[in-house]
Amino acid sequence: MNSKNLILTAALGSFLFAFTPITGTTKLKVKPEASKVEWYAEKVTGKHNGDVQLKSGTLEVENDQIVGGNFVIDMTTINTTDISGEYKDKLDGHLKSADFFDVDNHEVATYTITATKVLSDHPVYNTEITGDLTLKGKTLAISFPAKVEVRDDKIAAFGEMTIDRTKFDVKYGSASFFDSLGDKAIMDEFVMKISLGAKM
């Protein structure tokens, strides 16, 4: 699997009306019904994409900047969207199995923000977010650039993260661990794009 991003987005949509800066530390609740999580994966001979449901989350804001928070992904809802029928069902089942994300034993993945830093010179992103990603029972610190916008009691942000699945003990089909896979090899990195709608 080859990836370039894990994107964290709190979509503006109907959330953004009049602009009123948030002062002090404010906790905003992530709205699952206004959120979306998508994944993108590649192998030597092709690629697949799909989605998974966001379960819950919060974002903490101080002086119009994210300073903390977390979100929870329900890994039992892994769903492939680029194919259908029997092959889709087979792939969904395989991704949920112990070969990949072992959802029977690890039902959720979480990301907890531990630090943020203002990016003043980046042409797209205004914040660097650092946090702990827990996936398949393993936790690693991962940083990614994000664009954050705060309006009234709502928040919008999007960013990019690279995830190496093998560091979370997801090694099936990895040429880094198994020889002679040839065109059956699956790339080590994958993409998750996460849209979050959050408000007080």
C-alpha atoms as a PDB file:
ATOM      1  CA  MET A   1       0.000   0.000   0.000  1.00  0.00           C
ATOM      2  CA  ASN A   2       1.341   3.459  -0.902  1.00  0.00           C
ATOM      3  CA  SER A   3       0.025   6.577   0.789  1.00  0.00           C
ATOM      4  CA  LYS A   4       0.580  10.233   1.034  1.00  0.00           C
ATOM      5  CA  ASN A   5      -2.017  11.436   3.500  1.00  0.00           C
ATOM      6  CA  LEU A   6      -4.120  10.919   6.489  1.00  0.00           C
ATOM      7  CA  ILE A   7      -6.419  13.959   6.156  1.00  0.00           C
ATOM      8  CA  LEU A   8      -8.138  15.432   9.205  1.00  0.00           C
ATOM      9  CA  THR A   9     -11.063  17.685   8.033  1.00  0.00           C
ATOM     10  CA  ALA A  10     -13.807  19.448   9.948  1.00  0.00           C
ATOM     11  CA  ALA A  11     -15.955  20.465   6.957  1.00  0.00           C
ATOM     12  CA  LEU A  12     -17.254  24.020   6.858  1.00  0.00           C
ATOM     13  CA  GLY A  13     -20.578  23.376   5.113  1.00  0.00           C
ATOM     14  CA  SER A  14     -23.523  24.692   7.096  1.00  0.00           C
ATOM     15  CA  PHE A  15     -21.338  25.063  10.191  1.00  0.00           C
ATOM     16  CA  LEU A  16     -19.782  28.361   9.085  1.00  0.00           C
ATOM     17  CA  PHE A  17     -21.876  31.478   9.370  1.00  0.00           C
ATOM     18  CA  ALA A  18     -20.843  34.651  11.216  1.00  0.00           C
ATOM     19  CA  PHE A  19     -17.209  34.861  12.259  1.00  0.00           C
ATOM     20  CA  THR A  20     -16.708  35.080  16.036  1.00  0.00           C
ATOM     21  CA  PRO A  21     -13.236  34.184  17.390  1.00  0.00           C
ATOM     22  CA  ILE A  22     -13.153  31.586  20.162  1.00  0.00           C
ATOM     23  CA  THR A  23     -11.337  32.865  23.244  1.00  0.00           C
ATOM     24  CA  GLY A  24     -10.053  30.767  26.140  1.00  0.00           C
ATOM     25  CA  THR A  25      -9.997  26.975  25.902  1.00  0.00           C
ATOM     26  CA  THR A  26     -13.143  25.514  24.357  1.00  0.00           C
ATOM     27  CA  LYS A  27     -14.013  21.876  23.758  1.00  0.00           C
ATOM     28  CA  LEU A  28     -15.980  21.090  20.591  1.00  0.00           C
ATOM     29  CA  LYS A  29     -17.729  17.787  19.992  1.00  0.00           C
ATOM     30  CA  VAL A  30     -17.077  15.915  16.769  1.00  0.00           C
ATOM     31  CA  LYS A  31     -20.337  15.121  14.969  1.00  0.00           C
ATOM     32  CA  PRO A  32     -20.179  11.631  13.397  1.00  0.00           C
ATOM     33  CA  GLU A  33     -23.135  12.438  11.147  1.00  0.00           C
ATOM     34  CA  ALA A  34     -21.138  15.359   9.697  1.00  0.00           C
ATOM     35  CA  SER A  35     -17.919  13.363   9.380  1.00  0.00           C
ATOM     36  CA  LYS A  36     -16.383  10.935   6.933  1.00  0.00           C
ATOM     37  CA  VAL A  37     -13.336   8.654   6.877  1.00  0.00           C
ATOM     38  CA  GLU A  38     -11.900   7.339   3.598  1.00  0.00           C
ATOM     39  CA  TRP A  39      -8.949   5.025   2.973  1.00  0.00           C
ATOM     40  CA  TYR A  40      -6.740   4.517  -0.085  1.00  0.00           C
ATOM     41  CA  ALA A  41      -4.384   1.567  -0.599  1.00  0.00           C
ATOM     42  CA  GLU A  42      -2.100   0.390  -3.387  1.00  0.00           C
ATOM     43  CA  LYS A  43      -0.451  -2.848  -4.479  1.00  0.00           C
ATOM     44  CA  VAL A  44       1.900  -3.635  -7.339  1.00  0.00           C
ATOM     45  CA  THR A  45      -0.924  -4.510  -9.721  1.00  0.00           C
ATOM     46  CA  GLY A  46      -3.568  -1.992  -8.668  1.00  0.00           C
ATOM     47  CA  LYS A  47      -5.275  -0.092  -5.875  1.00  0.00           C
ATOM     48  CA  HIS A  48      -8.438   0.001  -3.781  1.00  0.00           C
ATOM     49  CA  ASN A  49     -10.304   2.585  -1.767  1.00  0.00           C
ATOM     50  CA  GLY A  50     -13.178   2.679   0.670  1.00  0.00           C
ATOM     51  CA  ASP A  51     -14.477   4.150   3.886  1.00  0.00           C
ATOM     52  CA  VAL A  52     -14.912   3.450   7.586  1.00  0.00           C
ATOM     53  CA  GLN A  53     -17.190   5.098  10.150  1.00  0.00           C
ATOM     54  CA  LEU A  54     -16.132   7.738  12.643  1.00  0.00           C
ATOM     55  CA  LYS A  55     -17.413   6.818  16.113  1.00  0.00           C
ATOM     56  CA  SER A  56     -16.734   9.892  18.273  1.00  0.00           C
ATOM     57  CA  GLY A  57     -14.280  12.663  19.044  1.00  0.00           C
ATOM     58  CA  THR A  58     -13.539  16.091  20.499  1.00  0.00           C
ATOM     59  CA  LEU A  59     -11.379  19.039  19.498  1.00  0.00           C
ATOM     60  CA  GLU A  60      -9.979  21.555  21.988  1.00  0.00           C
ATOM     61  CA  VAL A  61      -9.491  25.115  20.758  1.00  0.00           C
ATOM     62  CA  GLU A  62      -7.685  28.060  22.343  1.00  0.00           C
ATOM     63  CA  ASN A  63      -7.347  31.483  20.688  1.00  0.00           C
ATOM     64  CA  ASP A  64      -8.535  30.084  17.365  1.00  0.00           C
ATOM     65  CA  GLN A  65      -5.962  27.270  17.386  1.00  0.00           C
ATOM     66  CA  ILE A  66      -6.412  23.541  17.976  1.00  0.00           C
ATOM     67  CA  VAL A  67      -4.535  22.640  21.165  1.00  0.00           C
ATOM     68  CA  GLY A  68      -5.833  19.126  21.827  1.00  0.00           C
ATOM     69  CA  GLY A  69      -8.488  16.534  21.141  1.00  0.00           C
ATOM     70  CA  ASN A  70      -9.004  13.060  19.763  1.00  0.00           C
ATOM     71  CA  PHE A  71     -11.146  10.997  17.432  1.00  0.00           C
ATOM     72  CA  VAL A  72     -12.198   7.351  17.372  1.00  0.00           C
ATOM     73  CA  ILE A  73     -12.682   5.247  14.220  1.00  0.00           C
ATOM     74  CA  ASP A  74     -14.882   2.133  14.213  1.00  0.00           C
ATOM     75  CA  MET A  75     -12.670  -0.387  12.418  1.00  0.00           C
ATOM     76  CA  THR A  76     -15.476  -2.970  12.288  1.00  0.00           C
ATOM     77  CA  THR A  77     -17.105  -0.853   9.554  1.00  0.00           C
ATOM     78  CA  ILE A  78     -14.284  -1.174   7.004  1.00  0.00           C
ATOM     79  CA  ASN A  79     -15.962  -0.956   3.596  1.00  0.00           C
ATOM     80  CA  THR A  80     -14.500  -1.147   0.070  1.00  0.00           C
ATOM     81  CA  THR A  81     -16.167   1.265  -2.369  1.00  0.00           C
ATOM     82  CA  ASP A  82     -14.305   0.840  -5.668  1.00  0.00           C
ATOM     83  CA  ILE A  83     -15.598  -2.705  -6.271  1.00  0.00           C
ATOM     84  CA  SER A  84     -18.829  -4.593  -5.589  1.00  0.00           C
ATOM     85  CA  GLY A  85     -20.294  -8.035  -5.243  1.00  0.00           C
ATOM     86  CA  GLU A  86     -18.478 -11.166  -4.128  1.00  0.00           C
ATOM     87  CA  TYR A  87     -14.961  -9.717  -4.535  1.00  0.00           C
ATOM     88  CA  LYS A  88     -15.854  -6.696  -2.409  1.00  0.00           C
ATOM     89  CA  ASP A  89     -17.236  -8.924   0.357  1.00  0.00           C
ATOM     90  CA  LYS A  90     -14.105 -11.062   0.233  1.00  0.00           C
ATOM     91  CA  LEU A  91     -11.783  -8.046   0.441  1.00  0.00           C
ATOM     92  CA  ASP A  92     -13.781  -6.435   3.280  1.00  0.00           C
ATOM     93  CA  GLY A  93     -13.580  -9.677   5.232  1.00  0.00           C
ATOM     94  CA  HIS A  94      -9.853 -10.026   4.610  1.00  0.00           C
ATOM     95  CA  LEU A  95      -9.151  -6.442   5.753  1.00  0.00           C
ATOM     96  CA  LYS A  96     -11.070  -7.111   8.972  1.00  0.00           C
ATOM     97  CA  SER A  97      -9.200 -10.387   9.596  1.00  0.00           C
ATOM     98  CA  ALA A  98      -6.042 -10.956  11.639  1.00  0.00           C
ATOM     99  CA  ASP A  99      -4.001 -10.699   8.412  1.00  0.00           C
ATOM    100  CA  PHE A 100      -4.737  -6.986   8.436  1.00  0.00           C
ATOM    101  CA  PHE A 101      -6.586  -5.029  11.161  1.00  0.00           C
ATOM    102  CA  ASP A 102      -7.933  -7.888  13.334  1.00  0.00           C
ATOM    103  CA  VAL A 103     -11.146  -6.047  14.190  1.00  0.00           C
ATOM    104  CA  ASP A 104     -12.440  -8.851  16.422  1.00  0.00           C
ATOM    105  CA  ASN A 105      -9.709  -7.920  18.893  1.00  0.00           C
ATOM    106  CA  HIS A 106      -9.139  -4.272  17.934  1.00  0.00           C
ATOM    107  CA  GLU A 107     -12.515  -2.709  17.202  1.00  0.00           C
ATOM    108  CA  VAL A 108     -11.359   0.919  17.150  1.00  0.00           C
ATOM    109  CA  ALA A 109      -8.429   3.074  16.068  1.00  0.00           C
ATOM    110  CA  THR A 110      -7.749   6.372  17.844  1.00  0.00           C
ATOM    111  CA  TYR A 111      -5.759   9.526  17.269  1.00  0.00           C
ATOM    112  CA  THR A 112      -4.997  11.752  20.281  1.00  0.00           C
ATOM    113  CA  ILE A 113      -3.516  15.204  19.713  1.00  0.00           C
ATOM    114  CA  THR A 114      -0.547  15.885  21.987  1.00  0.00           C
ATOM    115  CA  ALA A 115       0.850  19.137  20.540  1.00  0.00           C
ATOM    116  CA  THR A 116       0.311  21.716  17.799  1.00  0.00           C
ATOM    117  CA  LYS A 117       2.524  24.356  16.209  1.00  0.00           C
ATOM    118  CA  VAL A 118       1.655  27.332  14.004  1.00  0.00           C
ATOM    119  CA  LEU A 119       3.038  27.153  10.442  1.00  0.00           C
ATOM    120  CA  SER A 120       3.394  30.753   9.331  1.00  0.00           C
ATOM    121  CA  ASP A 121       5.099  30.307   5.936  1.00  0.00           C
ATOM    122  CA  HIS A 122       3.398  27.241   4.429  1.00  0.00           C
ATOM    123  CA  PRO A 123       1.344  28.047   1.278  1.00  0.00           C
ATOM    124  CA  VAL A 124      -1.515  25.694   2.207  1.00  0.00           C
ATOM    125  CA  TYR A 125      -1.333  24.622   5.847  1.00  0.00           C
ATOM    126  CA  ASN A 126      -1.274  26.813   8.957  1.00  0.00           C
ATOM    127  CA  THR A 127      -0.807  24.210  11.715  1.00  0.00           C
ATOM    128  CA  GLU A 128       1.379  21.192  12.421  1.00  0.00           C
ATOM    129  CA  ILE A 129      -0.489  18.599  14.474  1.00  0.00           C
ATOM    130  CA  THR A 130       1.333  15.936  16.504  1.00  0.00           C
ATOM    131  CA  GLY A 131      -0.451  13.061  18.165  1.00  0.00           C
ATOM    132  CA  ASP A 132      -0.537   9.401  19.101  1.00  0.00           C
ATOM    133  CA  LEU A 133      -2.138   7.029  16.585  1.00  0.00           C
ATOM    134  CA  THR A 134      -3.300   3.725  18.074  1.00  0.00           C
ATOM    135  CA  LEU A 135      -4.002   1.046  15.476  1.00  0.00           C
ATOM    136  CA  LYS A 136      -4.263  -2.706  16.029  1.00  0.00           C
ATOM    137  CA  GLY A 137      -3.212  -2.209  19.651  1.00  0.00           C
ATOM    138  CA  LYS A 138       0.020  -0.344  18.861  1.00  0.00           C
ATOM    139  CA  THR A 139       0.608   3.374  19.475  1.00  0.00           C
ATOM    140  CA  LEU A 140       3.038   5.612  17.570  1.00  0.00           C
ATOM    141  CA  ALA A 141       3.507   9.380  17.459  1.00  0.00           C
ATOM    142  CA  ILE A 142       2.713  10.871  14.051  1.00  0.00           C
ATOM    143  CA  SER A 143       2.826  14.529  12.935  1.00  0.00           C
ATOM    144  CA  PHE A 144       1.118  16.050   9.909  1.00  0.00           C
ATOM    145  CA  PRO A 145       0.455  19.534   8.475  1.00  0.00           C
ATOM    146  CA  ALA A 146      -3.104  20.834   8.591  1.00  0.00           C
ATOM    147  CA  LYS A 147      -5.166  23.890   7.705  1.00  0.00           C
ATOM    148  CA  VAL A 148      -7.341  24.957  10.633  1.00  0.00           C
ATOM    149  CA  GLU A 149     -10.223  27.436  10.520  1.00  0.00           C
ATOM    150  CA  VAL A 150     -12.346  28.374  13.542  1.00  0.00           C
ATOM    151  CA  ARG A 151     -15.663  30.179  13.232  1.00  0.00           C
ATOM    152  CA  ASP A 152     -18.116  30.941  16.013  1.00  0.00           C
ATOM    153  CA  ASP A 153     -18.537  27.639  17.946  1.00  0.00           C
ATOM    154  CA  LYS A 154     -17.505  25.460  14.995  1.00  0.00           C
ATOM    155  CA  ILE A 155     -14.169  24.309  13.575  1.00  0.00           C
ATOM    156  CA  ALA A 156     -12.814  23.229  10.200  1.00  0.00           C
ATOM    157  CA  ALA A 157      -9.433  21.616   9.503  1.00  0.00           C
ATOM    158  CA  PHE A 158      -7.763  19.390   6.943  1.00  0.00           C
ATOM    159  CA  GLY A 159      -4.285  17.908   6.725  1.00  0.00           C
ATOM    160  CA  GLU A 160      -2.060  15.088   5.472  1.00  0.00           C
ATOM    161  CA  MET A 161      -0.519  12.079   7.215  1.00  0.00           C
ATOM    162  CA  THR A 162       1.522   9.102   6.023  1.00  0.00           C
ATOM    163  CA  ILE A 163       0.957   5.772   7.794  1.00  0.00           C
ATOM    164  CA  ASP A 164       3.288   2.780   7.506  1.00  0.00           C
ATOM    165  CA  ARG A 165       1.013  -0.168   8.304  1.00  0.00           C
ATOM    166  CA  THR A 166       3.928  -2.490   9.091  1.00  0.00           C
ATOM    167  CA  LYS A 167       4.804  -0.375  12.149  1.00  0.00           C
ATOM    168  CA  PHE A 168       1.375  -1.343  13.495  1.00  0.00           C
ATOM    169  CA  ASP A 169       1.986  -5.064  12.909  1.00  0.00           C
ATOM    170  CA  VAL A 170       0.007  -5.159   9.658  1.00  0.00           C
ATOM    171  CA  LYS A 171       2.572  -7.058   7.606  1.00  0.00           C
ATOM    172  CA  TYR A 172       0.483  -9.208   5.253  1.00  0.00           C
ATOM    173  CA  GLY A 173       1.765  -8.982   1.674  1.00  0.00           C
ATOM    174  CA  SER A 174       4.625  -6.641   2.590  1.00  0.00           C
ATOM    175  CA  ALA A 175       7.767  -7.025   0.483  1.00  0.00           C
ATOM    176  CA  SER A 176       9.673  -5.608   3.468  1.00  0.00           C
ATOM    177  CA  PHE A 177       9.018  -8.834   5.373  1.00  0.00           C
ATOM    178  CA  PHE A 178       8.270 -11.518   2.766  1.00  0.00           C
ATOM    179  CA  ASP A 179      10.425 -12.494  -0.206  1.00  0.00           C
ATOM    180  CA  SER A 180       9.263 -13.609  -3.659  1.00  0.00           C
ATOM    181  CA  LEU A 181       5.883 -11.843  -3.519  1.00  0.00           C
ATOM    182  CA  GLY A 182       6.383 -10.435  -6.996  1.00  0.00           C
ATOM    183  CA  ASP A 183       3.307  -8.636  -8.310  1.00  0.00           C
ATOM    184  CA  LYS A 184       1.296  -9.813  -5.283  1.00  0.00           C
ATOM    185  CA  ALA A 185       3.109  -7.359  -2.989  1.00  0.00           C
ATOM    186  CA  ILE A 186       1.044  -4.716  -1.183  1.00  0.00           C
ATOM    187  CA  MET A 187       2.604  -1.348  -0.408  1.00  0.00           C
ATOM    188  CA  ASP A 188       3.541  -0.694   3.210  1.00  0.00           C
ATOM    189  CA  GLU A 189       1.964   2.765   3.381  1.00  0.00           C
ATOM    190  CA  PHE A 190      -1.692   3.671   3.004  1.00  0.00           C
ATOM    191  CA  VAL A 191      -3.860   6.803   3.037  1.00  0.00           C
ATOM    192  CA  MET A 192      -6.683   7.710   5.365  1.00  0.00           C
ATOM    193  CA  LYS A 193      -8.649  10.884   4.633  1.00  0.00           C
ATOM    194  CA  ILE A 194     -10.731  11.957   7.603  1.00  0.00           C
ATOM    195  CA  SER A 195     -13.455  14.620   7.528  1.00  0.00           C
ATOM    196  CA  LEU A 196     -14.634  15.875  10.932  1.00  0.00           C
ATOM    197  CA  GLY A 197     -17.530  18.192  11.635  1.00  0.00           C
ATOM    198  CA  ALA A 198     -17.146  19.650  15.163  1.00  0.00           C
ATOM    199  CA  LYS A 199     -19.085  22.169  17.257  1.00  0.00           C
ATOM    200  CA  MET A 200     -19.771  23.044  20.909  1.00  0.00           C
END
